[in-house]
Amino acid sequence: MSSPQIQSYGCNNSLDQPLSTLPSWKIKLLYDGQCPLCLREVNFLKKRDASRGLVAFVDIAVDDYNPQADGGVDYETAMGRIHAVLPDGTLVKNVEVFRRIYEILGMGWVYAATSLPVIGAIANFLYGIWADWRLFLTGRPDLATIVRERSSRQACKTQSRCRLMDEDD
C-alpha cells in the first residue's frame, strides 16, 4: 500500500510528498539568537506556541546553521532581514513573517492591517529601517564583521589548528 500523496500549488509549482514526510510545523522561523530584542520576541512566540509545534524556531547564529535545511537562506541574508520557510518550501520575509506567525498562533489581528497594500508597504519600509540598524542598536558589530568572524570560526573548526590573525593580515 503506497503512502497517500498530496499536491500543493504555490510559487514552487507542484510538490508531491507522502503525508508522512510533511513537517508538523506550519512555519519555520529563522532568527538571530544573539540579538537580545529578537530573543525577546522569540521567547514570547514560544510561549504562545505552548509546545504545540506550530512554529519551528531555527537559530541562525549557531555555528552549525545549515542553509540547505532552511530554505536555502544563507547566514548573511538571514541576518539582514527576517525570513521564514513554509512547509512547501516557500520563503517569506520581512513583515509577512510576523503576520503569518501571529495568524498561526491565533493572534492574527496584531498584524492584520499589514495585509493592506499601503499599510503593508509602510510597515515593510519601517521594518527595513529597523533591520538596517538592528545590529548597531543592540551594541553589536556591523554585518560584514559578524560574517567575517563567523567564517573565521568555521574555517578554524575544519582545520586541525588555528592561528590568531593580526589586524595587519
C-alpha atoms as a PDB file:
ATOM      1  CA  MET A   1       0.000   0.000   0.000  1.00  0.00           C
ATOM      2  CA  SER A   2       1.537   3.306  -1.018  1.00  0.00           C
ATOM      3  CA  SER A   3       1.603   6.431   1.121  1.00  0.00           C
ATOM      4  CA  PRO A   4      -1.136   8.976   0.413  1.00  0.00           C
ATOM      5  CA  GLN A   5       0.022  11.832  -1.782  1.00  0.00           C
ATOM      6  CA  ILE A   6      -0.924  15.480  -1.595  1.00  0.00           C
ATOM      7  CA  GLN A   7      -0.379  18.112  -4.179  1.00  0.00           C
ATOM      8  CA  SER A   8       0.389  21.678  -3.193  1.00  0.00           C
ATOM      9  CA  TYR A   9       0.413  24.640  -5.534  1.00  0.00           C
ATOM     10  CA  GLY A  10       2.347  27.797  -4.841  1.00  0.00           C
ATOM     11  CA  CYS A  11       5.411  29.611  -6.010  1.00  0.00           C
ATOM     12  CA  ASN A  12       7.269  26.269  -6.007  1.00  0.00           C
ATOM     13  CA  ASN A  13       4.864  24.896  -8.677  1.00  0.00           C
ATOM     14  CA  SER A  14       3.586  21.466  -7.670  1.00  0.00           C
ATOM     15  CA  LEU A  15       5.055  19.389  -4.914  1.00  0.00           C
ATOM     16  CA  ASP A  16       4.195  15.752  -4.333  1.00  0.00           C
ATOM     17  CA  GLN A  17       5.078  14.393  -0.910  1.00  0.00           C
ATOM     18  CA  PRO A  18       3.817  11.475   1.129  1.00  0.00           C
ATOM     19  CA  LEU A  19       1.827  12.738   4.111  1.00  0.00           C
ATOM     20  CA  SER A  20       4.356  11.139   6.456  1.00  0.00           C
ATOM     21  CA  THR A  21       7.132  13.424   5.164  1.00  0.00           C
ATOM     22  CA  LEU A  22       5.264  16.671   5.688  1.00  0.00           C
ATOM     23  CA  PRO A  23       6.542  18.632   8.681  1.00  0.00           C
ATOM     24  CA  SER A  24       4.279  19.082  11.686  1.00  0.00           C
ATOM     25  CA  TRP A  25       5.100  22.801  11.871  1.00  0.00           C
ATOM     26  CA  LYS A  26       3.184  25.434   9.933  1.00  0.00           C
ATOM     27  CA  ILE A  27       6.094  27.872   9.618  1.00  0.00           C
ATOM     28  CA  LYS A  28       9.821  27.740  10.328  1.00  0.00           C
ATOM     29  CA  LEU A  29      11.184  30.988  11.766  1.00  0.00           C
ATOM     30  CA  LEU A  30      14.849  31.833  11.137  1.00  0.00           C
ATOM     31  CA  TYR A  31      16.008  34.133  13.919  1.00  0.00           C
ATOM     32  CA  ASP A  32      19.222  35.642  15.283  1.00  0.00           C
ATOM     33  CA  GLY A  33      19.780  34.047  18.679  1.00  0.00           C
ATOM     34  CA  GLN A  34      22.438  36.633  19.555  1.00  0.00           C
ATOM     35  CA  CYS A  35      20.042  39.569  19.199  1.00  0.00           C
ATOM     36  CA  PRO A  36      18.517  40.417  22.597  1.00  0.00           C
ATOM     37  CA  LEU A  37      15.390  42.019  21.107  1.00  0.00           C
ATOM     38  CA  CYS A  38      14.932  39.145  18.667  1.00  0.00           C
ATOM     39  CA  LEU A  39      15.204  36.672  21.546  1.00  0.00           C
ATOM     40  CA  ARG A  40      12.565  38.562  23.492  1.00  0.00           C
ATOM     41  CA  GLU A  41      10.159  38.200  20.548  1.00  0.00           C
ATOM     42  CA  VAL A  42      11.092  34.536  20.020  1.00  0.00           C
ATOM     43  CA  ASN A  43      10.542  33.745  23.705  1.00  0.00           C
ATOM     44  CA  PHE A  44       7.123  35.426  23.529  1.00  0.00           C
ATOM     45  CA  LEU A  45       6.245  33.399  20.413  1.00  0.00           C
ATOM     46  CA  LYS A  46       7.459  30.160  22.010  1.00  0.00           C
ATOM     47  CA  LYS A  47       5.148  30.795  24.967  1.00  0.00           C
ATOM     48  CA  ARG A  48       2.243  31.416  22.590  1.00  0.00           C
ATOM     49  CA  ASP A  49       3.094  28.242  20.657  1.00  0.00           C
ATOM     50  CA  ALA A  50       2.905  26.409  24.006  1.00  0.00           C
ATOM     51  CA  SER A  51       4.838  23.376  22.705  1.00  0.00           C
ATOM     52  CA  ARG A  52       2.211  22.727  20.004  1.00  0.00           C
ATOM     53  CA  GLY A  53       4.968  22.692  17.382  1.00  0.00           C
ATOM     54  CA  LEU A  54       3.159  25.094  15.065  1.00  0.00           C
ATOM     55  CA  VAL A  55       6.323  27.172  14.716  1.00  0.00           C
ATOM     56  CA  ALA A  56       9.773  25.654  14.247  1.00  0.00           C
ATOM     57  CA  PHE A  57      12.388  28.010  15.652  1.00  0.00           C
ATOM     58  CA  VAL A  58      15.815  27.960  13.960  1.00  0.00           C
ATOM     59  CA  ASP A  59      18.666  29.944  15.493  1.00  0.00           C
ATOM     60  CA  ILE A  60      20.811  31.122  12.594  1.00  0.00           C
ATOM     61  CA  ALA A  61      23.524  32.325  14.991  1.00  0.00           C
ATOM     62  CA  VAL A  62      24.685  28.818  15.860  1.00  0.00           C
ATOM     63  CA  ASP A  63      27.861  27.836  14.033  1.00  0.00           C
ATOM     64  CA  ASP A  64      26.262  24.733  12.527  1.00  0.00           C
ATOM     65  CA  TYR A  65      23.316  26.607  10.955  1.00  0.00           C
ATOM     66  CA  ASN A  66      22.561  24.777   7.699  1.00  0.00           C
ATOM     67  CA  PRO A  67      21.049  26.940   4.940  1.00  0.00           C
ATOM     68  CA  GLN A  68      20.132  23.889   2.838  1.00  0.00           C
ATOM     69  CA  ALA A  69      17.866  22.639   5.622  1.00  0.00           C
ATOM     70  CA  ASP A  70      16.220  26.047   5.947  1.00  0.00           C
ATOM     71  CA  GLY A  71      15.017  27.172   2.563  1.00  0.00           C
ATOM     72  CA  GLY A  72      18.487  27.900   1.171  1.00  0.00           C
ATOM     73  CA  VAL A  73      18.726  31.169   3.118  1.00  0.00           C
ATOM     74  CA  ASP A  74      22.424  31.781   3.745  1.00  0.00           C
ATOM     75  CA  TYR A  75      23.609  33.254   7.030  1.00  0.00           C
ATOM     76  CA  GLU A  76      24.290  36.765   5.714  1.00  0.00           C
ATOM     77  CA  THR A  77      20.887  37.012   4.034  1.00  0.00           C
ATOM     78  CA  ALA A  78      19.125  35.705   7.140  1.00  0.00           C
ATOM     79  CA  MET A  79      20.983  38.238   9.276  1.00  0.00           C
ATOM     80  CA  GLY A  80      19.936  41.096   7.006  1.00  0.00           C
ATOM     81  CA  ARG A  81      16.167  40.517   7.123  1.00  0.00           C
ATOM     82  CA  ILE A  82      13.895  38.106   8.963  1.00  0.00           C
ATOM     83  CA  HIS A  83      12.918  35.032   6.949  1.00  0.00           C
ATOM     84  CA  ALA A  84      10.641  32.060   7.410  1.00  0.00           C
ATOM     85  CA  VAL A  85      10.006  28.875   5.471  1.00  0.00           C
ATOM     86  CA  LEU A  86       6.567  27.391   4.852  1.00  0.00           C
ATOM     87  CA  PRO A  87       6.062  23.600   4.785  1.00  0.00           C
ATOM     88  CA  ASP A  88       6.003  23.590   0.967  1.00  0.00           C
ATOM     89  CA  GLY A  89       9.407  25.331   0.884  1.00  0.00           C
ATOM     90  CA  THR A  90       8.068  28.800   0.080  1.00  0.00           C
ATOM     91  CA  LEU A  91      10.174  31.579   1.616  1.00  0.00           C
ATOM     92  CA  VAL A  92       8.622  34.626   3.230  1.00  0.00           C
ATOM     93  CA  LYS A  93      10.445  37.626   4.630  1.00  0.00           C
ATOM     94  CA  ASN A  94      10.041  40.973   6.348  1.00  0.00           C
ATOM     95  CA  VAL A  95       6.684  41.864   7.932  1.00  0.00           C
ATOM     96  CA  GLU A  96       4.950  38.965   6.180  1.00  0.00           C
ATOM     97  CA  VAL A  97       6.869  36.625   8.525  1.00  0.00           C
ATOM     98  CA  PHE A  98       5.349  38.280  11.589  1.00  0.00           C
ATOM     99  CA  ARG A  99       1.876  38.403  10.030  1.00  0.00           C
ATOM    100  CA  ARG A 100       1.922  34.686   9.212  1.00  0.00           C
ATOM    101  CA  ILE A 101       3.344  33.595  12.566  1.00  0.00           C
ATOM    102  CA  TYR A 102       0.852  35.677  14.508  1.00  0.00           C
ATOM    103  CA  GLU A 103      -2.001  34.259  12.372  1.00  0.00           C
ATOM    104  CA  ILE A 104      -0.809  30.705  13.008  1.00  0.00           C
ATOM    105  CA  LEU A 105      -0.616  31.364  16.749  1.00  0.00           C
ATOM    106  CA  GLY A 106      -4.123  32.836  16.866  1.00  0.00           C
ATOM    107  CA  MET A 107      -3.107  36.485  17.145  1.00  0.00           C
ATOM    108  CA  GLY A 108      -3.560  37.488  13.517  1.00  0.00           C
ATOM    109  CA  TRP A 109      -5.295  40.704  14.460  1.00  0.00           C
ATOM    110  CA  VAL A 110      -1.933  42.161  15.603  1.00  0.00           C
ATOM    111  CA  TYR A 111      -0.548  42.322  12.051  1.00  0.00           C
ATOM    112  CA  ALA A 112      -3.803  42.067  10.051  1.00  0.00           C
ATOM    113  CA  ALA A 113      -3.629  45.653   8.799  1.00  0.00           C
ATOM    114  CA  THR A 114      -0.255  44.945   7.168  1.00  0.00           C
ATOM    115  CA  SER A 115      -2.027  42.822   4.560  1.00  0.00           C
ATOM    116  CA  LEU A 116      -3.469  46.047   3.117  1.00  0.00           C
ATOM    117  CA  PRO A 117      -1.185  47.294   0.314  1.00  0.00           C
ATOM    118  CA  VAL A 118      -0.472  50.802   1.633  1.00  0.00           C
ATOM    119  CA  ILE A 119      -0.101  49.793   5.271  1.00  0.00           C
ATOM    120  CA  GLY A 120       1.971  46.753   4.287  1.00  0.00           C
ATOM    121  CA  ALA A 121       4.338  48.912   2.233  1.00  0.00           C
ATOM    122  CA  ILE A 122       4.766  51.371   5.111  1.00  0.00           C
ATOM    123  CA  ALA A 123       5.300  48.531   7.613  1.00  0.00           C
ATOM    124  CA  ASN A 124       7.935  46.917   5.372  1.00  0.00           C
ATOM    125  CA  PHE A 125       9.672  50.271   4.914  1.00  0.00           C
ATOM    126  CA  LEU A 126       9.800  50.822   8.684  1.00  0.00           C
ATOM    127  CA  TYR A 127      10.900  47.233   9.271  1.00  0.00           C
ATOM    128  CA  GLY A 128      13.699  47.781   6.731  1.00  0.00           C
ATOM    129  CA  ILE A 129      14.964  50.738   8.755  1.00  0.00           C
ATOM    130  CA  TRP A 130      14.912  48.624  11.916  1.00  0.00           C
ATOM    131  CA  ALA A 131      16.680  45.727  10.149  1.00  0.00           C
ATOM    132  CA  ASP A 132      19.387  48.059   8.820  1.00  0.00           C
ATOM    133  CA  TRP A 133      20.064  49.484  12.298  1.00  0.00           C
ATOM    134  CA  ARG A 134      19.353  46.385  14.423  1.00  0.00           C
ATOM    135  CA  LEU A 135      22.958  45.368  14.990  1.00  0.00           C
ATOM    136  CA  PHE A 136      24.106  48.879  15.872  1.00  0.00           C
ATOM    137  CA  LEU A 137      21.145  49.498  18.186  1.00  0.00           C
ATOM    138  CA  THR A 138      21.815  46.269  20.070  1.00  0.00           C
ATOM    139  CA  GLY A 139      25.522  47.064  20.507  1.00  0.00           C
ATOM    140  CA  ARG A 140      26.875  44.545  18.020  1.00  0.00           C
ATOM    141  CA  PRO A 141      29.428  44.839  15.223  1.00  0.00           C
ATOM    142  CA  ASP A 142      28.269  45.531  11.676  1.00  0.00           C
ATOM    143  CA  LEU A 143      27.072  42.671   9.472  1.00  0.00           C
ATOM    144  CA  ALA A 144      30.308  42.442   7.461  1.00  0.00           C
ATOM    145  CA  THR A 145      32.321  41.993  10.671  1.00  0.00           C
ATOM    146  CA  ILE A 146      29.919  39.389  12.052  1.00  0.00           C
ATOM    147  CA  VAL A 147      30.015  37.418   8.789  1.00  0.00           C
ATOM    148  CA  ARG A 148      33.823  37.599   8.637  1.00  0.00           C
ATOM    149  CA  GLU A 149      34.190  36.438  12.265  1.00  0.00           C
ATOM    150  CA  ARG A 150      31.764  33.580  11.663  1.00  0.00           C
ATOM    151  CA  SER A 151      33.651  32.495   8.548  1.00  0.00           C
ATOM    152  CA  SER A 152      36.904  32.522  10.519  1.00  0.00           C
ATOM    153  CA  ARG A 153      35.368  30.363  13.272  1.00  0.00           C
ATOM    154  CA  GLN A 154      34.034  27.896  10.736  1.00  0.00           C
ATOM    155  CA  ALA A 155      37.360  27.723   8.882  1.00  0.00           C
ATOM    156  CA  CYS A 156      39.098  27.188  12.202  1.00  0.00           C
ATOM    157  CA  LYS A 157      36.851  24.232  13.020  1.00  0.00           C
ATOM    158  CA  THR A 158      37.747  22.493   9.752  1.00  0.00           C
ATOM    159  CA  GLN A 159      41.497  22.777  10.379  1.00  0.00           C
ATOM    160  CA  SER A 160      43.442  20.808  12.952  1.00  0.00           C
ATOM    161  CA  ARG A 161      44.753  24.013  14.470  1.00  0.00           C
ATOM    162  CA  CYS A 162      44.127  27.723  14.108  1.00  0.00           C
ATOM    163  CA  ARG A 163      46.203  30.803  14.446  1.00  0.00           C
ATOM    164  CA  LEU A 164      45.114  34.176  15.649  1.00  0.00           C
ATOM    165  CA  MET A 165      45.100  36.732  12.878  1.00  0.00           C
ATOM    166  CA  ASP A 166      46.841  40.044  13.369  1.00  0.00           C
ATOM    167  CA  GLU A 167      44.840  43.066  12.306  1.00  0.00           C
ATOM    168  CA  ASP A 168      47.526  43.663   9.650  1.00  0.00           C
ATOM    169  CA  ASP A 169      46.857  40.258   7.987  1.00  0.00           C
END
